[in-house]
Amino acid sequence: MGLNFLLKGVIIGFSIAAPVGPIGVLCIRRSLAEGRQIGLATGLGAATADATYGGVAAFGLTTISSFLVSQKLWLSSLGGLFLCYLGIRTFISRPVERAAEVQGIGLFSAYLSTLFLTLTNPATILSFVAVFAGFGLGALPDYSSASLLVAGVFTGSAIWWLLLSSGVALFRSRVNDGWMRAINRLSGSVILAFGLYSLSTFLFAITRERAFHDRRTQPAPFAHAIKIIPAVNPPAWAHQATPPAASAPLSIEPTPLSA
């Protein structure tokens, strides 16, 4: 039973990590520029974040997940700014020396950068919730099953990043400085585009929310033209219990003519 949850976690982690996004582009570029170890450290940062969000979904921590999803816009804006920084830095960077394979940006720095980037995308929790529901894992029987599932998510994600970084690093010896400079320009542009898209989404959401708020607070059309007409003082008889009787109509009797 426990092995079943572990295998399902491996499949889920691998499938969520496989689509190439800004983290994948960053891993490919660092594997070519800095070597397989740096590329793998980059991927493991994303795998740790995936396991963290998978744990929030698996253990049913609805308070944490609701808070993170409610702050999605602000967190995505931070991630967008960091992506723009990484994109510009990658675009202007020069090809590194082959001897500096492990130094470069540093293993820990590579790990932390992608850990932060992936954690600033709390919508990942929704992906895990949807995938868990698809696998029939909405309600796990105990904490040990949830722990095995989270361990499987990390393992599956780590396997993908190991395959990607190792596969890309095989071509490292064939890439000269000219190719590496072009790769830096291309990958930097792609990462910067992801960052600008994230920021534009944030600004669009803020603008739409502000417009909706202004529309709710502004007065109704033509409200300023409506005037309140004061009431006319009622006549004195209106305060009486019964209104005065109407006066009898005048009667005119004909006068007989004298003979």
C-alpha atoms as a PDB file:
ATOM      1  CA  MET A   1       0.000   0.000   0.000  1.00  0.00           C
ATOM      2  CA  GLY A   2       2.801   2.415   0.913  1.00  0.00           C
ATOM      3  CA  LEU A   3       4.712   1.611  -2.287  1.00  0.00           C
ATOM      4  CA  ASN A   4       1.597   2.484  -4.251  1.00  0.00           C
ATOM      5  CA  PHE A   5       1.518   6.025  -2.812  1.00  0.00           C
ATOM      6  CA  LEU A   6       5.254   6.422  -3.429  1.00  0.00           C
ATOM      7  CA  LEU A   7       4.953   5.410  -7.093  1.00  0.00           C
ATOM      8  CA  LYS A   8       1.989   7.723  -7.617  1.00  0.00           C
ATOM      9  CA  GLY A   9       4.015  10.562  -6.101  1.00  0.00           C
ATOM     10  CA  VAL A  10       6.915   9.851  -8.467  1.00  0.00           C
ATOM     11  CA  ILE A  11       4.579  10.002 -11.472  1.00  0.00           C
ATOM     12  CA  ILE A  12       2.959  13.222 -10.259  1.00  0.00           C
ATOM     13  CA  GLY A  13       6.285  14.925  -9.496  1.00  0.00           C
ATOM     14  CA  PHE A  14       7.777  13.952 -12.848  1.00  0.00           C
ATOM     15  CA  SER A  15       4.716  15.079 -14.831  1.00  0.00           C
ATOM     16  CA  ILE A  16       4.491  18.473 -13.091  1.00  0.00           C
ATOM     17  CA  ALA A  17       8.233  19.194 -13.457  1.00  0.00           C
ATOM     18  CA  ALA A  18       8.547  18.072 -17.100  1.00  0.00           C
ATOM     19  CA  PRO A  19       6.867  21.018 -18.928  1.00  0.00           C
ATOM     20  CA  VAL A  20       9.619  23.475 -19.859  1.00  0.00           C
ATOM     21  CA  GLY A  21       9.093  26.920 -18.348  1.00  0.00           C
ATOM     22  CA  PRO A  22      11.457  29.606 -17.033  1.00  0.00           C
ATOM     23  CA  ILE A  23      13.010  27.134 -14.554  1.00  0.00           C
ATOM     24  CA  GLY A  24      13.674  24.656 -17.366  1.00  0.00           C
ATOM     25  CA  VAL A  25      15.293  27.332 -19.520  1.00  0.00           C
ATOM     26  CA  LEU A  26      17.433  28.395 -16.572  1.00  0.00           C
ATOM     27  CA  CYS A  27      18.467  24.784 -15.889  1.00  0.00           C
ATOM     28  CA  ILE A  28      19.438  24.218 -19.536  1.00  0.00           C
ATOM     29  CA  ARG A  29      21.463  27.395 -19.703  1.00  0.00           C
ATOM     30  CA  ARG A  30      23.283  26.737 -16.421  1.00  0.00           C
ATOM     31  CA  SER A  31      23.998  23.136 -17.395  1.00  0.00           C
ATOM     32  CA  LEU A  32      25.668  24.345 -20.579  1.00  0.00           C
ATOM     33  CA  ALA A  33      27.479  27.273 -18.972  1.00  0.00           C
ATOM     34  CA  GLU A  34      28.379  25.940 -15.516  1.00  0.00           C
ATOM     35  CA  GLY A  35      28.146  22.171 -15.822  1.00  0.00           C
ATOM     36  CA  ARG A  36      25.886  19.335 -14.768  1.00  0.00           C
ATOM     37  CA  GLN A  37      26.254  19.938 -11.014  1.00  0.00           C
ATOM     38  CA  ILE A  38      25.031  23.525 -11.237  1.00  0.00           C
ATOM     39  CA  GLY A  39      22.189  22.454 -13.525  1.00  0.00           C
ATOM     40  CA  LEU A  40      21.153  19.706 -11.126  1.00  0.00           C
ATOM     41  CA  ALA A  41      21.270  22.085  -8.135  1.00  0.00           C
ATOM     42  CA  THR A  42      19.031  24.441 -10.107  1.00  0.00           C
ATOM     43  CA  GLY A  43      16.529  21.656 -10.679  1.00  0.00           C
ATOM     44  CA  LEU A  44      16.633  20.430  -7.084  1.00  0.00           C
ATOM     45  CA  GLY A  45      15.558  23.864  -5.884  1.00  0.00           C
ATOM     46  CA  ALA A  46      12.425  23.540  -7.995  1.00  0.00           C
ATOM     47  CA  ALA A  47      11.932  19.935  -6.811  1.00  0.00           C
ATOM     48  CA  THR A  48      12.041  21.075  -3.175  1.00  0.00           C
ATOM     49  CA  ALA A  49       9.408  23.729  -3.837  1.00  0.00           C
ATOM     50  CA  ASP A  50       7.244  21.171  -5.646  1.00  0.00           C
ATOM     51  CA  ALA A  51       7.492  18.819  -2.671  1.00  0.00           C
ATOM     52  CA  THR A  52       6.620  21.680  -0.301  1.00  0.00           C
ATOM     53  CA  TYR A  53       3.460  22.588  -2.193  1.00  0.00           C
ATOM     54  CA  GLY A  54       2.671  18.918  -2.682  1.00  0.00           C
ATOM     55  CA  GLY A  55       2.888  18.486   1.084  1.00  0.00           C
ATOM     56  CA  VAL A  56       0.494  21.384   1.651  1.00  0.00           C
ATOM     57  CA  ALA A  57      -2.009  19.710  -0.689  1.00  0.00           C
ATOM     58  CA  ALA A  58      -1.421  16.153   0.595  1.00  0.00           C
ATOM     59  CA  PHE A  59      -1.720  16.971   4.295  1.00  0.00           C
ATOM     60  CA  GLY A  60      -4.836  19.070   3.690  1.00  0.00           C
ATOM     61  CA  LEU A  61      -3.372  22.297   5.089  1.00  0.00           C
ATOM     62  CA  THR A  62      -6.231  24.400   3.754  1.00  0.00           C
ATOM     63  CA  THR A  63      -5.394  27.448   5.866  1.00  0.00           C
ATOM     64  CA  ILE A  64      -1.906  27.714   4.396  1.00  0.00           C
ATOM     65  CA  SER A  65      -3.029  26.965   0.843  1.00  0.00           C
ATOM     66  CA  SER A  66      -5.897  29.486   1.036  1.00  0.00           C
ATOM     67  CA  PHE A  67      -3.553  32.187   2.323  1.00  0.00           C
ATOM     68  CA  LEU A  68      -0.949  31.526  -0.380  1.00  0.00           C
ATOM     69  CA  VAL A  69      -3.534  31.463  -3.162  1.00  0.00           C
ATOM     70  CA  SER A  70      -5.087  34.701  -1.864  1.00  0.00           C
ATOM     71  CA  GLN A  71      -1.653  36.350  -2.033  1.00  0.00           C
ATOM     72  CA  LYS A  72      -0.952  34.903  -5.476  1.00  0.00           C
ATOM     73  CA  LEU A  73      -0.775  38.270  -7.235  1.00  0.00           C
ATOM     74  CA  TRP A  74       1.791  39.768  -4.872  1.00  0.00           C
ATOM     75  CA  LEU A  75       3.913  36.623  -4.807  1.00  0.00           C
ATOM     76  CA  SER A  76       3.836  36.364  -8.600  1.00  0.00           C
ATOM     77  CA  SER A  77       4.937  39.999  -8.838  1.00  0.00           C
ATOM     78  CA  LEU A  78       7.991  39.199  -6.702  1.00  0.00           C
ATOM     79  CA  GLY A  79       8.731  36.200  -8.890  1.00  0.00           C
ATOM     80  CA  GLY A  80       8.291  38.331 -12.009  1.00  0.00           C
ATOM     81  CA  LEU A  81      10.768  40.920 -10.753  1.00  0.00           C
ATOM     82  CA  PHE A  82      13.302  38.200  -9.928  1.00  0.00           C
ATOM     83  CA  LEU A  83      12.816  36.621 -13.359  1.00  0.00           C
ATOM     84  CA  CYS A  84      13.451  39.987 -15.008  1.00  0.00           C
ATOM     85  CA  TYR A  85      16.640  40.342 -12.972  1.00  0.00           C
ATOM     86  CA  LEU A  86      17.825  36.853 -13.915  1.00  0.00           C
ATOM     87  CA  GLY A  87      16.902  37.415 -17.559  1.00  0.00           C
ATOM     88  CA  ILE A  88      18.889  40.650 -17.831  1.00  0.00           C
ATOM     89  CA  ARG A  89      21.815  39.138 -15.932  1.00  0.00           C
ATOM     90  CA  THR A  90      21.825  36.088 -18.201  1.00  0.00           C
ATOM     91  CA  PHE A  91      21.526  38.194 -21.359  1.00  0.00           C
ATOM     92  CA  ILE A  92      24.570  40.338 -20.576  1.00  0.00           C
ATOM     93  CA  SER A  93      26.698  37.548 -19.065  1.00  0.00           C
ATOM     94  CA  ARG A  94      29.826  36.354 -20.809  1.00  0.00           C
ATOM     95  CA  PRO A  95      30.719  32.708 -21.391  1.00  0.00           C
ATOM     96  CA  VAL A  96      32.361  31.319 -18.243  1.00  0.00           C
ATOM     97  CA  GLU A  97      35.666  29.569 -18.147  1.00  0.00           C
ATOM     98  CA  ARG A  98      35.551  25.787 -18.354  1.00  0.00           C
ATOM     99  CA  ALA A  99      37.828  25.472 -15.297  1.00  0.00           C
ATOM    100  CA  ALA A 100      35.264  27.186 -13.104  1.00  0.00           C
ATOM    101  CA  GLU A 101      32.766  24.345 -13.374  1.00  0.00           C
ATOM    102  CA  VAL A 102      31.595  24.178  -9.772  1.00  0.00           C
ATOM    103  CA  GLN A 103      32.429  27.699  -8.557  1.00  0.00           C
ATOM    104  CA  GLY A 104      30.510  29.987 -10.949  1.00  0.00           C
ATOM    105  CA  ILE A 105      27.316  31.124  -9.196  1.00  0.00           C
ATOM    106  CA  GLY A 106      27.698  28.388  -6.597  1.00  0.00           C
ATOM    107  CA  LEU A 107      25.667  25.290  -5.945  1.00  0.00           C
ATOM    108  CA  PHE A 108      23.776  26.773  -3.005  1.00  0.00           C
ATOM    109  CA  SER A 109      23.017  29.995  -4.858  1.00  0.00           C
ATOM    110  CA  ALA A 110      21.672  28.026  -7.833  1.00  0.00           C
ATOM    111  CA  TYR A 111      19.521  25.946  -5.485  1.00  0.00           C
ATOM    112  CA  LEU A 112      18.092  28.935  -3.595  1.00  0.00           C
ATOM    113  CA  SER A 113      17.301  30.943  -6.730  1.00  0.00           C
ATOM    114  CA  THR A 114      14.984  28.319  -8.232  1.00  0.00           C
ATOM    115  CA  LEU A 115      13.561  27.431  -4.821  1.00  0.00           C
ATOM    116  CA  PHE A 116      12.472  31.057  -4.427  1.00  0.00           C
ATOM    117  CA  LEU A 117      11.171  31.309  -7.986  1.00  0.00           C
ATOM    118  CA  THR A 118       9.024  28.191  -7.673  1.00  0.00           C
ATOM    119  CA  LEU A 119       7.682  29.167  -4.247  1.00  0.00           C
ATOM    120  CA  THR A 120       6.499  32.519  -5.662  1.00  0.00           C
ATOM    121  CA  ASN A 121       4.034  30.585  -7.826  1.00  0.00           C
ATOM    122  CA  PRO A 122       1.445  29.348  -5.290  1.00  0.00           C
ATOM    123  CA  ALA A 123      -0.856  28.330  -8.148  1.00  0.00           C
ATOM    124  CA  THR A 124       1.262  25.164  -8.113  1.00  0.00           C
ATOM    125  CA  ILE A 125      -0.817  24.098  -5.101  1.00  0.00           C
ATOM    126  CA  LEU A 126      -3.911  24.118  -7.297  1.00  0.00           C
ATOM    127  CA  SER A 127      -2.097  21.904  -9.801  1.00  0.00           C
ATOM    128  CA  PHE A 128      -1.292  19.378  -7.097  1.00  0.00           C
ATOM    129  CA  VAL A 129      -4.853  19.461  -5.754  1.00  0.00           C
ATOM    130  CA  ALA A 130      -6.226  18.811  -9.250  1.00  0.00           C
ATOM    131  CA  VAL A 131      -3.732  16.014  -9.981  1.00  0.00           C
ATOM    132  CA  PHE A 132      -4.316  14.390  -6.571  1.00  0.00           C
ATOM    133  CA  ALA A 133      -8.053  14.431  -7.236  1.00  0.00           C
ATOM    134  CA  GLY A 134      -7.470  12.857 -10.640  1.00  0.00           C
ATOM    135  CA  PHE A 135      -5.502  10.031  -9.003  1.00  0.00           C
ATOM    136  CA  GLY A 136      -8.183   9.576  -6.347  1.00  0.00           C
ATOM    137  CA  LEU A 137      -5.942  10.956  -3.604  1.00  0.00           C
ATOM    138  CA  GLY A 138      -8.319  13.599  -2.276  1.00  0.00           C
ATOM    139  CA  ALA A 139      -8.487  12.105   1.228  1.00  0.00           C
ATOM    140  CA  LEU A 140      -5.389  10.212   2.347  1.00  0.00           C
ATOM    141  CA  PRO A 141      -5.918   7.643   5.124  1.00  0.00           C
ATOM    142  CA  ASP A 142      -3.019   8.708   7.375  1.00  0.00           C
ATOM    143  CA  TYR A 143       0.072  10.875   7.662  1.00  0.00           C
ATOM    144  CA  SER A 144       2.438   8.089   6.614  1.00  0.00           C
ATOM    145  CA  SER A 145       0.665   7.785   3.254  1.00  0.00           C
ATOM    146  CA  ALA A 146       0.830  11.557   2.773  1.00  0.00           C
ATOM    147  CA  SER A 147       4.555  11.530   3.632  1.00  0.00           C
ATOM    148  CA  LEU A 148       5.249   8.784   1.099  1.00  0.00           C
ATOM    149  CA  LEU A 149       3.311  10.717  -1.524  1.00  0.00           C
ATOM    150  CA  VAL A 150       5.332  13.885  -0.872  1.00  0.00           C
ATOM    151  CA  ALA A 151       8.598  11.899  -0.977  1.00  0.00           C
ATOM    152  CA  GLY A 152       7.501  10.470  -4.310  1.00  0.00           C
ATOM    153  CA  VAL A 153       6.754  13.966  -5.651  1.00  0.00           C
ATOM    154  CA  PHE A 154      10.257  15.133  -4.751  1.00  0.00           C
ATOM    155  CA  THR A 155      11.827  11.983  -6.217  1.00  0.00           C
ATOM    156  CA  GLY A 156       9.912  12.247  -9.490  1.00  0.00           C
ATOM    157  CA  SER A 157      10.748  15.922  -9.895  1.00  0.00           C
ATOM    158  CA  ALA A 158      14.417  15.287  -9.043  1.00  0.00           C
ATOM    159  CA  ILE A 159      14.585  12.485 -11.634  1.00  0.00           C
ATOM    160  CA  TRP A 160      13.400  14.854 -14.337  1.00  0.00           C
ATOM    161  CA  TRP A 161      15.959  17.535 -13.429  1.00  0.00           C
ATOM    162  CA  LEU A 162      18.726  14.922 -13.265  1.00  0.00           C
ATOM    163  CA  LEU A 163      17.846  13.691 -16.753  1.00  0.00           C
ATOM    164  CA  LEU A 164      17.595  17.219 -18.151  1.00  0.00           C
ATOM    165  CA  SER A 165      20.825  18.551 -16.655  1.00  0.00           C
ATOM    166  CA  SER A 166      22.799  15.399 -17.515  1.00  0.00           C
ATOM    167  CA  GLY A 167      21.445  15.257 -21.059  1.00  0.00           C
ATOM    168  CA  VAL A 168      22.191  18.908 -21.758  1.00  0.00           C
ATOM    169  CA  ALA A 169      25.652  18.673 -20.167  1.00  0.00           C
ATOM    170  CA  LEU A 170      26.619  16.016 -22.734  1.00  0.00           C
ATOM    171  CA  PHE A 171      26.697  18.732 -25.389  1.00  0.00           C
ATOM    172  CA  ARG A 172      28.734  21.121 -23.258  1.00  0.00           C
ATOM    173  CA  SER A 173      32.064  20.120 -24.772  1.00  0.00           C
ATOM    174  CA  ARG A 174      30.727  20.867 -28.263  1.00  0.00           C
ATOM    175  CA  VAL A 175      29.550  24.376 -27.438  1.00  0.00           C
ATOM    176  CA  ASN A 176      32.152  27.062 -28.070  1.00  0.00           C
ATOM    177  CA  ASP A 177      32.151  30.641 -26.810  1.00  0.00           C
ATOM    178  CA  GLY A 178      30.206  31.927 -29.799  1.00  0.00           C
ATOM    179  CA  TRP A 179      27.431  29.400 -29.299  1.00  0.00           C
ATOM    180  CA  MET A 180      27.422  30.025 -25.560  1.00  0.00           C
ATOM    181  CA  ARG A 181      27.053  33.761 -26.102  1.00  0.00           C
ATOM    182  CA  ALA A 182      24.082  33.137 -28.387  1.00  0.00           C
ATOM    183  CA  ILE A 183      22.569  30.750 -25.833  1.00  0.00           C
ATOM    184  CA  ASN A 184      22.948  33.414 -23.145  1.00  0.00           C
ATOM    185  CA  ARG A 185      21.135  35.955 -25.332  1.00  0.00           C
ATOM    186  CA  LEU A 186      18.331  33.542 -26.200  1.00  0.00           C
ATOM    187  CA  SER A 187      17.791  32.139 -22.709  1.00  0.00           C
ATOM    188  CA  GLY A 188      18.043  35.597 -21.142  1.00  0.00           C
ATOM    189  CA  SER A 189      15.378  36.903 -23.530  1.00  0.00           C
ATOM    190  CA  VAL A 190      13.056  33.967 -22.781  1.00  0.00           C
ATOM    191  CA  ILE A 191      13.461  34.336 -19.000  1.00  0.00           C
ATOM    192  CA  LEU A 192      12.927  38.103 -19.262  1.00  0.00           C
ATOM    193  CA  ALA A 193       9.776  37.516 -21.331  1.00  0.00           C
ATOM    194  CA  PHE A 194       8.398  35.211 -18.623  1.00  0.00           C
ATOM    195  CA  GLY A 195       9.126  37.883 -16.018  1.00  0.00           C
ATOM    196  CA  LEU A 196       7.476  40.667 -18.028  1.00  0.00           C
ATOM    197  CA  TYR A 197       4.430  38.477 -18.619  1.00  0.00           C
ATOM    198  CA  SER A 198       4.125  37.816 -14.882  1.00  0.00           C
ATOM    199  CA  LEU A 199       4.396  41.540 -14.112  1.00  0.00           C
ATOM    200  CA  SER A 200       1.882  42.475 -16.819  1.00  0.00           C
ATOM    201  CA  THR A 201      -0.587  39.957 -15.387  1.00  0.00           C
ATOM    202  CA  PHE A 202      -0.138  41.514 -11.963  1.00  0.00           C
ATOM    203  CA  LEU A 203      -0.613  45.077 -13.251  1.00  0.00           C
ATOM    204  CA  PHE A 204      -3.681  44.085 -15.289  1.00  0.00           C
ATOM    205  CA  ALA A 205      -5.291  42.448 -12.249  1.00  0.00           C
ATOM    206  CA  ILE A 206      -4.581  45.486 -10.057  1.00  0.00           C
ATOM    207  CA  THR A 207      -5.984  47.871 -12.692  1.00  0.00           C
ATOM    208  CA  ARG A 208      -9.124  45.787 -13.149  1.00  0.00           C
ATOM    209  CA  GLU A 209      -9.693  45.579  -9.396  1.00  0.00           C
ATOM    210  CA  ARG A 210      -9.281  49.340  -9.006  1.00  0.00           C
ATOM    211  CA  ALA A 211     -11.670  50.052 -11.895  1.00  0.00           C
ATOM    212  CA  PHE A 212     -14.241  47.717 -10.354  1.00  0.00           C
ATOM    213  CA  HIS A 213     -13.893  49.494  -6.992  1.00  0.00           C
ATOM    214  CA  ASP A 214     -14.278  52.937  -8.595  1.00  0.00           C
ATOM    215  CA  ARG A 215     -17.360  51.775 -10.475  1.00  0.00           C
ATOM    216  CA  ARG A 216     -18.983  50.639  -7.218  1.00  0.00           C
ATOM    217  CA  THR A 217     -18.212  53.850  -5.301  1.00  0.00           C
ATOM    218  CA  GLN A 218     -19.172  56.465  -7.911  1.00  0.00           C
ATOM    219  CA  PRO A 219     -22.714  58.020  -7.600  1.00  0.00           C
ATOM    220  CA  ALA A 220     -25.561  56.884  -9.797  1.00  0.00           C
ATOM    221  CA  PRO A 221     -26.051  58.759 -13.101  1.00  0.00           C
ATOM    222  CA  PHE A 222     -28.103  61.997 -12.856  1.00  0.00           C
ATOM    223  CA  ALA A 223     -28.161  61.706  -9.060  1.00  0.00           C
ATOM    224  CA  HIS A 224     -27.003  65.319  -8.793  1.00  0.00           C
ATOM    225  CA  ALA A 225     -30.007  66.521 -10.835  1.00  0.00           C
ATOM    226  CA  ILE A 226     -32.615  65.052  -8.487  1.00  0.00           C
ATOM    227  CA  LYS A 227     -34.108  67.726  -6.230  1.00  0.00           C
ATOM    228  CA  ILE A 228     -36.230  67.099  -3.154  1.00  0.00           C
ATOM    229  CA  ILE A 229     -39.405  69.202  -3.261  1.00  0.00           C
ATOM    230  CA  PRO A 230     -40.435  70.340   0.233  1.00  0.00           C
ATOM    231  CA  ALA A 231     -43.909  69.346   1.374  1.00  0.00           C
ATOM    232  CA  VAL A 232     -46.673  72.021   1.252  1.00  0.00           C
ATOM    233  CA  ASN A 233     -48.269  72.893   4.597  1.00  0.00           C
ATOM    234  CA  PRO A 234     -51.676  71.170   4.745  1.00  0.00           C
ATOM    235  CA  PRO A 235     -54.830  73.250   5.285  1.00  0.00           C
ATOM    236  CA  ALA A 236     -56.223  73.729   8.772  1.00  0.00           C
ATOM    237  CA  TRP A 237     -59.187  71.408   8.260  1.00  0.00           C
ATOM    238  CA  ALA A 238     -56.795  68.531   7.511  1.00  0.00           C
ATOM    239  CA  HIS A 239     -56.079  68.289  11.250  1.00  0.00           C
ATOM    240  CA  GLN A 240     -59.787  67.955  12.137  1.00  0.00           C
ATOM    241  CA  ALA A 241     -61.396  64.583  12.772  1.00  0.00           C
ATOM    242  CA  THR A 242     -63.952  65.127  10.032  1.00  0.00           C
ATOM    243  CA  PRO A 243     -63.729  67.550   7.198  1.00  0.00           C
ATOM    244  CA  PRO A 244     -66.252  70.372   7.098  1.00  0.00           C
ATOM    245  CA  ALA A 245     -69.580  69.586   5.389  1.00  0.00           C
ATOM    246  CA  ALA A 246     -69.951  70.890   1.932  1.00  0.00           C
ATOM    247  CA  SER A 247     -72.266  73.849   1.620  1.00  0.00           C
ATOM    248  CA  ALA A 248     -75.745  73.066   0.273  1.00  0.00           C
ATOM    249  CA  PRO A 249     -76.281  74.021  -3.333  1.00  0.00           C
ATOM    250  CA  LEU A 250     -78.325  77.148  -4.036  1.00  0.00           C
ATOM    251  CA  SER A 251     -81.916  76.499  -5.179  1.00  0.00           C
ATOM    252  CA  ILE A 252     -83.814  79.006  -7.288  1.00  0.00           C
ATOM    253  CA  GLU A 253     -87.591  78.645  -7.227  1.00  0.00           C
ATOM    254  CA  PRO A 254     -89.580  80.211 -10.097  1.00  0.00           C
ATOM    255  CA  THR A 255     -91.983  83.078  -9.182  1.00  0.00           C
ATOM    256  CA  PRO A 256     -95.490  82.730 -10.631  1.00  0.00           C
ATOM    257  CA  LEU A 257     -96.544  85.514 -12.939  1.00  0.00           C
ATOM    258  CA  SER A 258     -99.540  87.643 -11.853  1.00  0.00           C
ATOM    259  CA  ALA A 259    -102.553  87.532 -14.050  1.00  0.00           C
END
